[in-house]
Amino acid sequence: MRSGLAAPSAPVQEATSPCVNREKTEWRQVRDAAIEGQALRYCTGEDCWSLNLASNTVTPIAMIPVSKRRLAQSGSLVDDKGAVIATATETHVEFCASGPSSCKKFDYKIANPPTNGVFPVMNEERTLGALMYRGESEASLPSFVLTYDLQRGKLIKQLKARDVEVLGHGFVIDDVLHGAALNKLGKLAVPDQGWTRIGTTDLVALHDKKQGAIVLQDTTTAKVKARIPLALQDHATWFTLVVAPDAARLYAIGSQLNEGEVVVIDVASGKVVVRATPTVCAAGTHRVN
């Protein structure tokens, strides 16, 4: 006589060699992704990989130490080397685009104190700057964004808002694209998500987790240049984006059911050109490091 109960599944074993998982529950975050020479290097947990950009093959490499992320600090902005390039207080902000002799100071007077911090930001070109002046939201006190033209040395505008990011030729303020004169252009194509600038161009790449796609958007017009489906089993799968130095290709590195897979996108055509993945863990095994 047969029982109606299914036999218990065998426990999943730890894989002994580097591989990537294909499970809904056991997956690892992508970390320390960067292009070095002719290779895209990245890690899934403690397993690290190198994608050869010419052959689009992925091979295991020695573990890359976990990098220390620089978190935004109230009152200052530092560059990639740790040098302070802007400072801010309750009454003024100072931007130093290219050393002490280039510093430009701007004063302001706002009634409520910045209980939740003051955060200066600049674009990569260091031609535009902004300040996030954050009031105490718990007490219903307003926050402000102040935008600056650093080439002309003048305030562009002060407005009630919470978040600002500075683009090559404009600003993103609370998910709305603005030109350099703070004229509204339109909303980000994918709200409430991070974006990645395509080199020094005016394009940004956004990850649409509802549609399972990468969106390329022109920040000077707010028009969508391309919407690129990733052919995912789970649309909400998160991807880490890395841009080639020449801005010709975009590399999207998956997690969850696509752990470690690299989707290579041609920016000009807005199409997926190839997919590459590390060795997948054998059935009944996984990596948990």
C-alpha atoms as a PDB file:
ATOM      1  CA  MET A   1       0.000   0.000   0.000  1.00  0.00           C
ATOM      2  CA  ARG A   2       1.404   3.419  -0.980  1.00  0.00           C
ATOM      3  CA  SER A   3       1.251   6.438   1.241  1.00  0.00           C
ATOM      4  CA  GLY A   4      -0.222   9.651  -0.149  1.00  0.00           C
ATOM      5  CA  LEU A   5       2.615  11.640   1.435  1.00  0.00           C
ATOM      6  CA  ALA A   6       5.561  12.650  -0.738  1.00  0.00           C
ATOM      7  CA  ALA A   7       8.958  11.421   0.351  1.00  0.00           C
ATOM      8  CA  PRO A   8      10.955  14.132   2.154  1.00  0.00           C
ATOM      9  CA  SER A   9      13.418  15.868  -0.106  1.00  0.00           C
ATOM     10  CA  ALA A  10      17.089  15.225   0.515  1.00  0.00           C
ATOM     11  CA  PRO A  11      18.926  18.050   2.303  1.00  0.00           C
ATOM     12  CA  VAL A  12      20.892  20.364   0.040  1.00  0.00           C
ATOM     13  CA  GLN A  13      24.646  19.877   0.380  1.00  0.00           C
ATOM     14  CA  GLU A  14      27.320  22.562   0.402  1.00  0.00           C
ATOM     15  CA  ALA A  15      29.138  22.697  -2.935  1.00  0.00           C
ATOM     16  CA  THR A  16      32.897  22.306  -2.519  1.00  0.00           C
ATOM     17  CA  SER A  17      33.935  24.461  -5.494  1.00  0.00           C
ATOM     18  CA  PRO A  18      32.862  27.997  -6.471  1.00  0.00           C
ATOM     19  CA  CYS A  19      29.504  28.062  -8.263  1.00  0.00           C
ATOM     20  CA  VAL A  20      26.335  30.163  -8.380  1.00  0.00           C
ATOM     21  CA  ASN A  21      22.992  29.222  -6.880  1.00  0.00           C
ATOM     22  CA  ARG A  22      19.703  28.843  -8.716  1.00  0.00           C
ATOM     23  CA  GLU A  23      17.399  28.751  -5.689  1.00  0.00           C
ATOM     24  CA  LYS A  24      14.616  31.030  -4.530  1.00  0.00           C
ATOM     25  CA  THR A  25      15.801  31.092  -0.928  1.00  0.00           C
ATOM     26  CA  GLU A  26      19.573  30.593  -1.029  1.00  0.00           C
ATOM     27  CA  TRP A  27      21.277  33.343  -2.986  1.00  0.00           C
ATOM     28  CA  ARG A  28      24.005  35.893  -2.377  1.00  0.00           C
ATOM     29  CA  GLN A  29      24.404  39.592  -3.029  1.00  0.00           C
ATOM     30  CA  VAL A  30      26.693  40.791  -5.809  1.00  0.00           C
ATOM     31  CA  ARG A  31      29.530  42.916  -4.453  1.00  0.00           C
ATOM     32  CA  ASP A  32      32.620  44.821  -5.566  1.00  0.00           C
ATOM     33  CA  ALA A  33      31.739  44.819  -9.264  1.00  0.00           C
ATOM     34  CA  ALA A  34      34.183  46.785 -11.428  1.00  0.00           C
ATOM     35  CA  ILE A  35      35.876  46.699 -14.816  1.00  0.00           C
ATOM     36  CA  GLU A  36      39.640  46.294 -14.694  1.00  0.00           C
ATOM     37  CA  GLY A  37      41.413  46.203 -18.037  1.00  0.00           C
ATOM     38  CA  GLN A  38      39.622  43.695 -20.262  1.00  0.00           C
ATOM     39  CA  ALA A  39      37.660  42.018 -17.487  1.00  0.00           C
ATOM     40  CA  LEU A  40      34.581  42.625 -15.385  1.00  0.00           C
ATOM     41  CA  ARG A  41      35.325  41.371 -11.882  1.00  0.00           C
ATOM     42  CA  TYR A  42      32.697  40.790  -9.223  1.00  0.00           C
ATOM     43  CA  CYS A  43      31.816  38.521  -6.318  1.00  0.00           C
ATOM     44  CA  THR A  44      28.798  36.537  -5.167  1.00  0.00           C
ATOM     45  CA  GLY A  45      29.458  36.157  -1.476  1.00  0.00           C
ATOM     46  CA  GLU A  46      33.032  34.925  -1.118  1.00  0.00           C
ATOM     47  CA  ASP A  47      33.102  33.423  -4.620  1.00  0.00           C
ATOM     48  CA  CYS A  48      34.616  35.879  -7.084  1.00  0.00           C
ATOM     49  CA  TRP A  49      34.505  35.878 -10.866  1.00  0.00           C
ATOM     50  CA  SER A  50      36.043  37.451 -13.945  1.00  0.00           C
ATOM     51  CA  LEU A  51      34.123  38.008 -17.183  1.00  0.00           C
ATOM     52  CA  ASN A  52      36.467  38.256 -20.161  1.00  0.00           C
ATOM     53  CA  LEU A  53      35.013  41.178 -22.129  1.00  0.00           C
ATOM     54  CA  ALA A  54      36.272  39.796 -25.448  1.00  0.00           C
ATOM     55  CA  SER A  55      35.161  36.164 -25.168  1.00  0.00           C
ATOM     56  CA  ASN A  56      32.256  36.720 -22.721  1.00  0.00           C
ATOM     57  CA  THR A  57      33.351  33.753 -20.637  1.00  0.00           C
ATOM     58  CA  VAL A  58      33.285  33.719 -16.837  1.00  0.00           C
ATOM     59  CA  THR A  59      36.005  32.081 -14.745  1.00  0.00           C
ATOM     60  CA  PRO A  60      36.589  31.916 -10.973  1.00  0.00           C
ATOM     61  CA  ILE A  61      39.305  34.111  -9.445  1.00  0.00           C
ATOM     62  CA  ALA A  62      40.796  34.586  -5.987  1.00  0.00           C
ATOM     63  CA  MET A  63      38.539  36.226  -3.420  1.00  0.00           C
ATOM     64  CA  ILE A  64      38.431  40.027  -3.579  1.00  0.00           C
ATOM     65  CA  PRO A  65      38.391  41.696  -0.129  1.00  0.00           C
ATOM     66  CA  VAL A  66      35.105  43.363   0.738  1.00  0.00           C
ATOM     67  CA  SER A  67      35.451  47.076   0.003  1.00  0.00           C
ATOM     68  CA  LYS A  68      34.454  49.661   2.568  1.00  0.00           C
ATOM     69  CA  ARG A  69      31.593  51.804   1.277  1.00  0.00           C
ATOM     70  CA  ARG A  70      31.744  55.509   1.968  1.00  0.00           C
ATOM     71  CA  LEU A  71      28.406  56.594   3.352  1.00  0.00           C
ATOM     72  CA  ALA A  72      27.205  60.170   2.945  1.00  0.00           C
ATOM     73  CA  GLN A  73      28.195  62.253   5.960  1.00  0.00           C
ATOM     74  CA  SER A  74      26.325  65.341   7.068  1.00  0.00           C
ATOM     75  CA  GLY A  75      28.397  68.447   6.502  1.00  0.00           C
ATOM     76  CA  SER A  76      30.866  67.204   3.887  1.00  0.00           C
ATOM     77  CA  LEU A  77      31.369  65.597   0.479  1.00  0.00           C
ATOM     78  CA  VAL A  78      34.490  63.615  -0.442  1.00  0.00           C
ATOM     79  CA  ASP A  79      35.800  62.402  -3.792  1.00  0.00           C
ATOM     80  CA  ASP A  80      36.827  58.836  -4.661  1.00  0.00           C
ATOM     81  CA  LYS A  81      40.216  59.359  -3.006  1.00  0.00           C
ATOM     82  CA  GLY A  82      38.734  60.649   0.243  1.00  0.00           C
ATOM     83  CA  ALA A  83      39.588  64.324  -0.282  1.00  0.00           C
ATOM     84  CA  VAL A  84      36.963  66.798   0.964  1.00  0.00           C
ATOM     85  CA  ILE A  85      35.509  68.720  -1.983  1.00  0.00           C
ATOM     86  CA  ALA A  86      32.513  70.393  -0.299  1.00  0.00           C
ATOM     87  CA  THR A  87      31.446  71.344   3.213  1.00  0.00           C
ATOM     88  CA  ALA A  88      28.178  72.623   4.682  1.00  0.00           C
ATOM     89  CA  THR A  89      26.835  74.037   7.931  1.00  0.00           C
ATOM     90  CA  GLU A  90      23.505  75.405   9.144  1.00  0.00           C
ATOM     91  CA  THR A  91      24.264  78.744   7.444  1.00  0.00           C
ATOM     92  CA  HIS A  92      26.512  78.149   4.435  1.00  0.00           C
ATOM     93  CA  VAL A  93      27.861  75.657   1.897  1.00  0.00           C
ATOM     94  CA  GLU A  94      31.243  75.710   0.145  1.00  0.00           C
ATOM     95  CA  PHE A  95      32.149  73.831  -3.030  1.00  0.00           C
ATOM     96  CA  CYS A  96      35.794  73.294  -4.038  1.00  0.00           C
ATOM     97  CA  ALA A  97      35.704  71.943  -7.582  1.00  0.00           C
ATOM     98  CA  SER A  98      39.463  71.762  -8.154  1.00  0.00           C
ATOM     99  CA  GLY A  99      41.360  72.543  -4.986  1.00  0.00           C
ATOM    100  CA  PRO A 100      41.294  75.297  -2.321  1.00  0.00           C
ATOM    101  CA  SER A 101      41.735  78.152  -4.813  1.00  0.00           C
ATOM    102  CA  SER A 102      38.524  77.147  -6.604  1.00  0.00           C
ATOM    103  CA  CYS A 103      36.261  77.170  -3.531  1.00  0.00           C
ATOM    104  CA  LYS A 104      32.958  79.027  -3.807  1.00  0.00           C
ATOM    105  CA  LYS A 105      30.982  79.808  -0.656  1.00  0.00           C
ATOM    106  CA  PHE A 106      27.225  80.447  -0.522  1.00  0.00           C
ATOM    107  CA  ASP A 107      25.298  81.695   2.509  1.00  0.00           C
ATOM    108  CA  TYR A 108      21.650  80.979   3.293  1.00  0.00           C
ATOM    109  CA  LYS A 109      19.203  81.548   6.112  1.00  0.00           C
ATOM    110  CA  ILE A 110      16.501  78.984   6.796  1.00  0.00           C
ATOM    111  CA  ALA A 111      14.119  79.292   9.723  1.00  0.00           C
ATOM    112  CA  ASN A 112      14.066  75.702  10.972  1.00  0.00           C
ATOM    113  CA  PRO A 113      17.332  73.917  11.880  1.00  0.00           C
ATOM    114  CA  PRO A 114      18.664  71.024   9.755  1.00  0.00           C
ATOM    115  CA  THR A 115      18.044  68.449  12.483  1.00  0.00           C
ATOM    116  CA  ASN A 116      18.487  65.560  10.048  1.00  0.00           C
ATOM    117  CA  GLY A 117      21.642  66.938   8.432  1.00  0.00           C
ATOM    118  CA  VAL A 118      23.057  69.030   5.606  1.00  0.00           C
ATOM    119  CA  PHE A 119      24.433  67.141   2.602  1.00  0.00           C
ATOM    120  CA  PRO A 120      26.327  68.869  -0.249  1.00  0.00           C
ATOM    121  CA  VAL A 121      26.525  67.117  -3.647  1.00  0.00           C
ATOM    122  CA  MET A 122      28.159  67.870  -7.028  1.00  0.00           C
ATOM    123  CA  ASN A 123      28.111  66.369 -10.492  1.00  0.00           C
ATOM    124  CA  GLU A 124      31.175  64.597 -11.911  1.00  0.00           C
ATOM    125  CA  GLU A 125      31.970  67.626 -14.057  1.00  0.00           C
ATOM    126  CA  ARG A 126      31.796  69.798 -10.897  1.00  0.00           C
ATOM    127  CA  THR A 127      29.862  72.453 -12.757  1.00  0.00           C
ATOM    128  CA  LEU A 128      26.641  72.074 -10.770  1.00  0.00           C
ATOM    129  CA  GLY A 129      26.162  71.611  -7.061  1.00  0.00           C
ATOM    130  CA  ALA A 130      23.317  71.224  -4.614  1.00  0.00           C
ATOM    131  CA  LEU A 131      22.561  71.042  -0.913  1.00  0.00           C
ATOM    132  CA  MET A 132      20.072  68.851   0.918  1.00  0.00           C
ATOM    133  CA  TYR A 133      18.968  70.758   4.044  1.00  0.00           C
ATOM    134  CA  ARG A 134      16.911  68.283   6.038  1.00  0.00           C
ATOM    135  CA  GLY A 135      14.483  69.462   8.671  1.00  0.00           C
ATOM    136  CA  GLU A 136      13.093  67.299  11.433  1.00  0.00           C
ATOM    137  CA  SER A 137      10.459  65.236   9.637  1.00  0.00           C
ATOM    138  CA  GLU A 138       9.156  63.833  12.927  1.00  0.00           C
ATOM    139  CA  ALA A 139       8.169  67.388  13.910  1.00  0.00           C
ATOM    140  CA  SER A 140       6.706  68.096  10.436  1.00  0.00           C
ATOM    141  CA  LEU A 141       9.422  70.680   9.725  1.00  0.00           C
ATOM    142  CA  PRO A 142      10.264  71.146   6.041  1.00  0.00           C
ATOM    143  CA  SER A 143      13.388  70.096   4.169  1.00  0.00           C
ATOM    144  CA  PHE A 144      14.923  72.193   1.407  1.00  0.00           C
ATOM    145  CA  VAL A 145      17.031  71.680  -1.696  1.00  0.00           C
ATOM    146  CA  LEU A 146      19.307  74.492  -2.861  1.00  0.00           C
ATOM    147  CA  THR A 147      20.845  74.259  -6.335  1.00  0.00           C
ATOM    148  CA  TYR A 148      23.928  76.108  -7.589  1.00  0.00           C
ATOM    149  CA  ASP A 149      25.660  77.010 -10.836  1.00  0.00           C
ATOM    150  CA  LEU A 150      29.301  76.565  -9.859  1.00  0.00           C
ATOM    151  CA  GLN A 151      30.668  78.019 -13.093  1.00  0.00           C
ATOM    152  CA  ARG A 152      28.820  81.288 -12.593  1.00  0.00           C
ATOM    153  CA  GLY A 153      29.064  81.149  -8.825  1.00  0.00           C
ATOM    154  CA  LYS A 154      25.375  81.724  -8.109  1.00  0.00           C
ATOM    155  CA  LEU A 155      22.333  80.166  -6.498  1.00  0.00           C
ATOM    156  CA  ILE A 156      19.916  78.766  -9.076  1.00  0.00           C
ATOM    157  CA  LYS A 157      16.951  78.147  -6.797  1.00  0.00           C
ATOM    158  CA  GLN A 158      15.864  77.107  -3.321  1.00  0.00           C
ATOM    159  CA  LEU A 159      12.761  74.943  -2.972  1.00  0.00           C
ATOM    160  CA  LYS A 160      11.018  72.666  -0.500  1.00  0.00           C
ATOM    161  CA  ALA A 161      12.149  69.122  -1.291  1.00  0.00           C
ATOM    162  CA  ARG A 162      14.017  66.287   0.374  1.00  0.00           C
ATOM    163  CA  ASP A 163      16.395  64.605  -2.084  1.00  0.00           C
ATOM    164  CA  VAL A 164      18.568  65.807  -4.940  1.00  0.00           C
ATOM    165  CA  GLU A 165      21.135  64.187  -7.206  1.00  0.00           C
ATOM    166  CA  VAL A 166      23.214  66.208  -9.632  1.00  0.00           C
ATOM    167  CA  LEU A 167      23.461  65.193 -13.287  1.00  0.00           C
ATOM    168  CA  GLY A 168      25.810  66.335 -16.001  1.00  0.00           C
ATOM    169  CA  HIS A 169      23.393  69.032 -17.153  1.00  0.00           C
ATOM    170  CA  GLY A 170      20.671  69.102 -14.524  1.00  0.00           C
ATOM    171  CA  PHE A 171      19.203  67.641 -11.375  1.00  0.00           C
ATOM    172  CA  VAL A 172      16.977  64.843 -10.106  1.00  0.00           C
ATOM    173  CA  ILE A 173      14.826  66.251  -7.297  1.00  0.00           C
ATOM    174  CA  ASP A 174      12.472  63.827  -5.555  1.00  0.00           C
ATOM    175  CA  ASP A 175      12.371  61.585  -8.670  1.00  0.00           C
ATOM    176  CA  VAL A 176      11.691  64.501 -11.064  1.00  0.00           C
ATOM    177  CA  LEU A 177      14.196  65.454 -13.779  1.00  0.00           C
ATOM    178  CA  HIS A 178      15.120  69.137 -14.030  1.00  0.00           C
ATOM    179  CA  GLY A 179      17.316  71.088 -16.419  1.00  0.00           C
ATOM    180  CA  ALA A 180      20.262  73.198 -15.285  1.00  0.00           C
ATOM    181  CA  ALA A 181      17.933  76.212 -14.848  1.00  0.00           C
ATOM    182  CA  LEU A 182      15.660  73.981 -12.724  1.00  0.00           C
ATOM    183  CA  ASN A 183      12.983  73.718 -15.412  1.00  0.00           C
ATOM    184  CA  LYS A 184      10.946  70.529 -14.956  1.00  0.00           C
ATOM    185  CA  LEU A 185      11.487  67.958 -17.714  1.00  0.00           C
ATOM    186  CA  GLY A 186       9.551  64.939 -16.468  1.00  0.00           C
ATOM    187  CA  LYS A 187       9.699  62.075 -14.012  1.00  0.00           C
ATOM    188  CA  LEU A 188      12.258  59.328 -13.822  1.00  0.00           C
ATOM    189  CA  ALA A 189      10.989  56.402 -15.870  1.00  0.00           C
ATOM    190  CA  VAL A 190      11.298  54.145 -12.817  1.00  0.00           C
ATOM    191  CA  PRO A 191      10.562  55.969  -9.534  1.00  0.00           C
ATOM    192  CA  ASP A 192      12.008  55.017  -6.157  1.00  0.00           C
ATOM    193  CA  GLN A 193      14.956  53.171  -7.685  1.00  0.00           C
ATOM    194  CA  GLY A 194      18.618  53.969  -8.011  1.00  0.00           C
ATOM    195  CA  TRP A 195      20.047  54.879 -11.402  1.00  0.00           C
ATOM    196  CA  THR A 196      23.421  54.575 -13.088  1.00  0.00           C
ATOM    197  CA  ARG A 197      24.813  57.217 -15.420  1.00  0.00           C
ATOM    198  CA  ILE A 198      26.097  55.918 -18.761  1.00  0.00           C
ATOM    199  CA  GLY A 199      29.645  57.274 -18.688  1.00  0.00           C
ATOM    200  CA  THR A 200      29.702  61.031 -19.226  1.00  0.00           C
ATOM    201  CA  THR A 201      26.616  60.975 -21.469  1.00  0.00           C
ATOM    202  CA  ASP A 202      23.182  62.307 -20.522  1.00  0.00           C
ATOM    203  CA  LEU A 203      21.722  58.785 -20.439  1.00  0.00           C
ATOM    204  CA  VAL A 204      20.936  56.941 -17.241  1.00  0.00           C
ATOM    205  CA  ALA A 205      20.091  53.280 -16.749  1.00  0.00           C
ATOM    206  CA  LEU A 206      17.316  52.283 -14.366  1.00  0.00           C
ATOM    207  CA  HIS A 207      16.165  48.861 -13.243  1.00  0.00           C
ATOM    208  CA  ASP A 208      12.419  48.304 -13.591  1.00  0.00           C
ATOM    209  CA  LYS A 209      11.647  45.477 -11.153  1.00  0.00           C
ATOM    210  CA  LYS A 210       7.950  45.442 -12.049  1.00  0.00           C
ATOM    211  CA  GLN A 211       8.599  44.755 -15.730  1.00  0.00           C
ATOM    212  CA  GLY A 212      11.902  42.906 -15.368  1.00  0.00           C
ATOM    213  CA  ALA A 213      13.694  45.340 -17.656  1.00  0.00           C
ATOM    214  CA  ILE A 214      16.519  47.850 -17.894  1.00  0.00           C
ATOM    215  CA  VAL A 215      15.398  51.325 -18.985  1.00  0.00           C
ATOM    216  CA  LEU A 216      17.663  53.844 -20.717  1.00  0.00           C
ATOM    217  CA  GLN A 217      16.432  57.415 -20.252  1.00  0.00           C
ATOM    218  CA  ASP A 218      17.719  60.730 -21.618  1.00  0.00           C
ATOM    219  CA  THR A 219      17.993  63.128 -18.672  1.00  0.00           C
ATOM    220  CA  THR A 220      17.922  66.241 -20.858  1.00  0.00           C
ATOM    221  CA  THR A 221      14.502  65.429 -22.322  1.00  0.00           C
ATOM    222  CA  ALA A 222      13.093  62.788 -19.919  1.00  0.00           C
ATOM    223  CA  LYS A 223      12.410  60.600 -22.975  1.00  0.00           C
ATOM    224  CA  VAL A 224      12.955  56.843 -22.724  1.00  0.00           C
ATOM    225  CA  LYS A 225      15.532  55.752 -25.288  1.00  0.00           C
ATOM    226  CA  ALA A 226      15.059  52.017 -24.764  1.00  0.00           C
ATOM    227  CA  ARG A 227      13.277  49.526 -22.535  1.00  0.00           C
ATOM    228  CA  ILE A 228      15.245  46.280 -22.533  1.00  0.00           C
ATOM    229  CA  PRO A 229      13.504  43.129 -21.224  1.00  0.00           C
ATOM    230  CA  LEU A 230      15.795  40.798 -19.302  1.00  0.00           C
ATOM    231  CA  ALA A 231      13.741  37.596 -19.850  1.00  0.00           C
ATOM    232  CA  LEU A 232      13.523  36.770 -16.150  1.00  0.00           C
ATOM    233  CA  GLN A 233      11.574  34.110 -14.310  1.00  0.00           C
ATOM    234  CA  ASP A 234      11.117  36.619 -11.467  1.00  0.00           C
ATOM    235  CA  HIS A 235      10.777  40.245 -12.612  1.00  0.00           C
ATOM    236  CA  ALA A 236      11.760  41.517  -9.169  1.00  0.00           C
ATOM    237  CA  THR A 237      15.252  39.989  -9.444  1.00  0.00           C
ATOM    238  CA  TRP A 238      17.782  42.659  -8.539  1.00  0.00           C
ATOM    239  CA  PHE A 239      20.643  43.539 -10.919  1.00  0.00           C
ATOM    240  CA  THR A 240      23.847  45.446 -10.229  1.00  0.00           C
ATOM    241  CA  LEU A 241      24.772  47.749 -13.142  1.00  0.00           C
ATOM    242  CA  VAL A 242      28.312  48.434 -14.379  1.00  0.00           C
ATOM    243  CA  VAL A 243      29.094  50.704 -17.363  1.00  0.00           C
ATOM    244  CA  ALA A 244      31.998  50.086 -19.734  1.00  0.00           C
ATOM    245  CA  PRO A 245      34.663  52.841 -19.718  1.00  0.00           C
ATOM    246  CA  ASP A 246      33.715  53.848 -23.276  1.00  0.00           C
ATOM    247  CA  ALA A 247      29.991  53.823 -22.342  1.00  0.00           C
ATOM    248  CA  ALA A 248      29.269  51.475 -25.267  1.00  0.00           C
ATOM    249  CA  ARG A 249      28.055  48.583 -23.138  1.00  0.00           C
ATOM    250  CA  LEU A 250      26.151  48.096 -19.913  1.00  0.00           C
ATOM    251  CA  TYR A 251      26.689  45.007 -17.773  1.00  0.00           C
ATOM    252  CA  ALA A 252      23.795  43.880 -15.557  1.00  0.00           C
ATOM    253  CA  ILE A 253      24.800  41.313 -12.916  1.00  0.00           C
ATOM    254  CA  GLY A 254      21.946  39.294 -11.453  1.00  0.00           C
ATOM    255  CA  SER A 255      21.051  37.953  -8.022  1.00  0.00           C
ATOM    256  CA  GLN A 256      18.390  35.550  -6.696  1.00  0.00           C
ATOM    257  CA  LEU A 257      17.421  33.046  -9.428  1.00  0.00           C
ATOM    258  CA  ASN A 258      19.962  34.733 -11.731  1.00  0.00           C
ATOM    259  CA  GLU A 259      22.793  34.870  -9.203  1.00  0.00           C
ATOM    260  CA  GLY A 260      26.030  35.892 -10.903  1.00  0.00           C
ATOM    261  CA  GLU A 261      24.623  35.933 -14.443  1.00  0.00           C
ATOM    262  CA  VAL A 262      25.839  38.849 -16.563  1.00  0.00           C
ATOM    263  CA  VAL A 263      23.505  40.339 -19.168  1.00  0.00           C
ATOM    264  CA  VAL A 264      25.499  42.408 -21.679  1.00  0.00           C
ATOM    265  CA  ILE A 265      23.578  45.311 -23.236  1.00  0.00           C
ATOM    266  CA  ASP A 266      24.625  47.375 -26.251  1.00  0.00           C
ATOM    267  CA  VAL A 267      23.777  50.974 -25.336  1.00  0.00           C
ATOM    268  CA  ALA A 268      23.484  52.307 -28.907  1.00  0.00           C
ATOM    269  CA  SER A 269      20.949  49.697 -30.047  1.00  0.00           C
ATOM    270  CA  GLY A 270      19.334  49.203 -26.650  1.00  0.00           C
ATOM    271  CA  LYS A 271      19.481  45.406 -27.006  1.00  0.00           C
ATOM    272  CA  VAL A 272      20.887  42.440 -25.124  1.00  0.00           C
ATOM    273  CA  VAL A 273      23.852  41.104 -27.100  1.00  0.00           C
ATOM    274  CA  VAL A 274      24.957  38.176 -24.934  1.00  0.00           C
ATOM    275  CA  ARG A 275      24.457  36.504 -21.556  1.00  0.00           C
ATOM    276  CA  ALA A 276      27.212  34.835 -19.558  1.00  0.00           C
ATOM    277  CA  THR A 277      27.170  32.972 -16.279  1.00  0.00           C
ATOM    278  CA  PRO A 278      29.639  31.325 -13.914  1.00  0.00           C
ATOM    279  CA  THR A 279      29.418  27.605 -13.257  1.00  0.00           C
ATOM    280  CA  VAL A 280      26.002  26.776 -11.810  1.00  0.00           C
ATOM    281  CA  CYS A 281      25.934  24.652  -8.655  1.00  0.00           C
ATOM    282  CA  ALA A 282      25.048  21.025  -9.334  1.00  0.00           C
ATOM    283  CA  ALA A 283      21.537  19.860  -8.455  1.00  0.00           C
ATOM    284  CA  GLY A 284      21.218  19.209  -4.738  1.00  0.00           C
ATOM    285  CA  THR A 285      24.112  21.522  -3.851  1.00  0.00           C
ATOM    286  CA  HIS A 286      24.553  25.224  -3.162  1.00  0.00           C
ATOM    287  CA  ARG A 287      26.999  27.810  -1.836  1.00  0.00           C
ATOM    288  CA  VAL A 288      26.183  29.756   1.334  1.00  0.00           C
ATOM    289  CA  ASN A 289      29.361  31.789   1.902  1.00  0.00           C
END
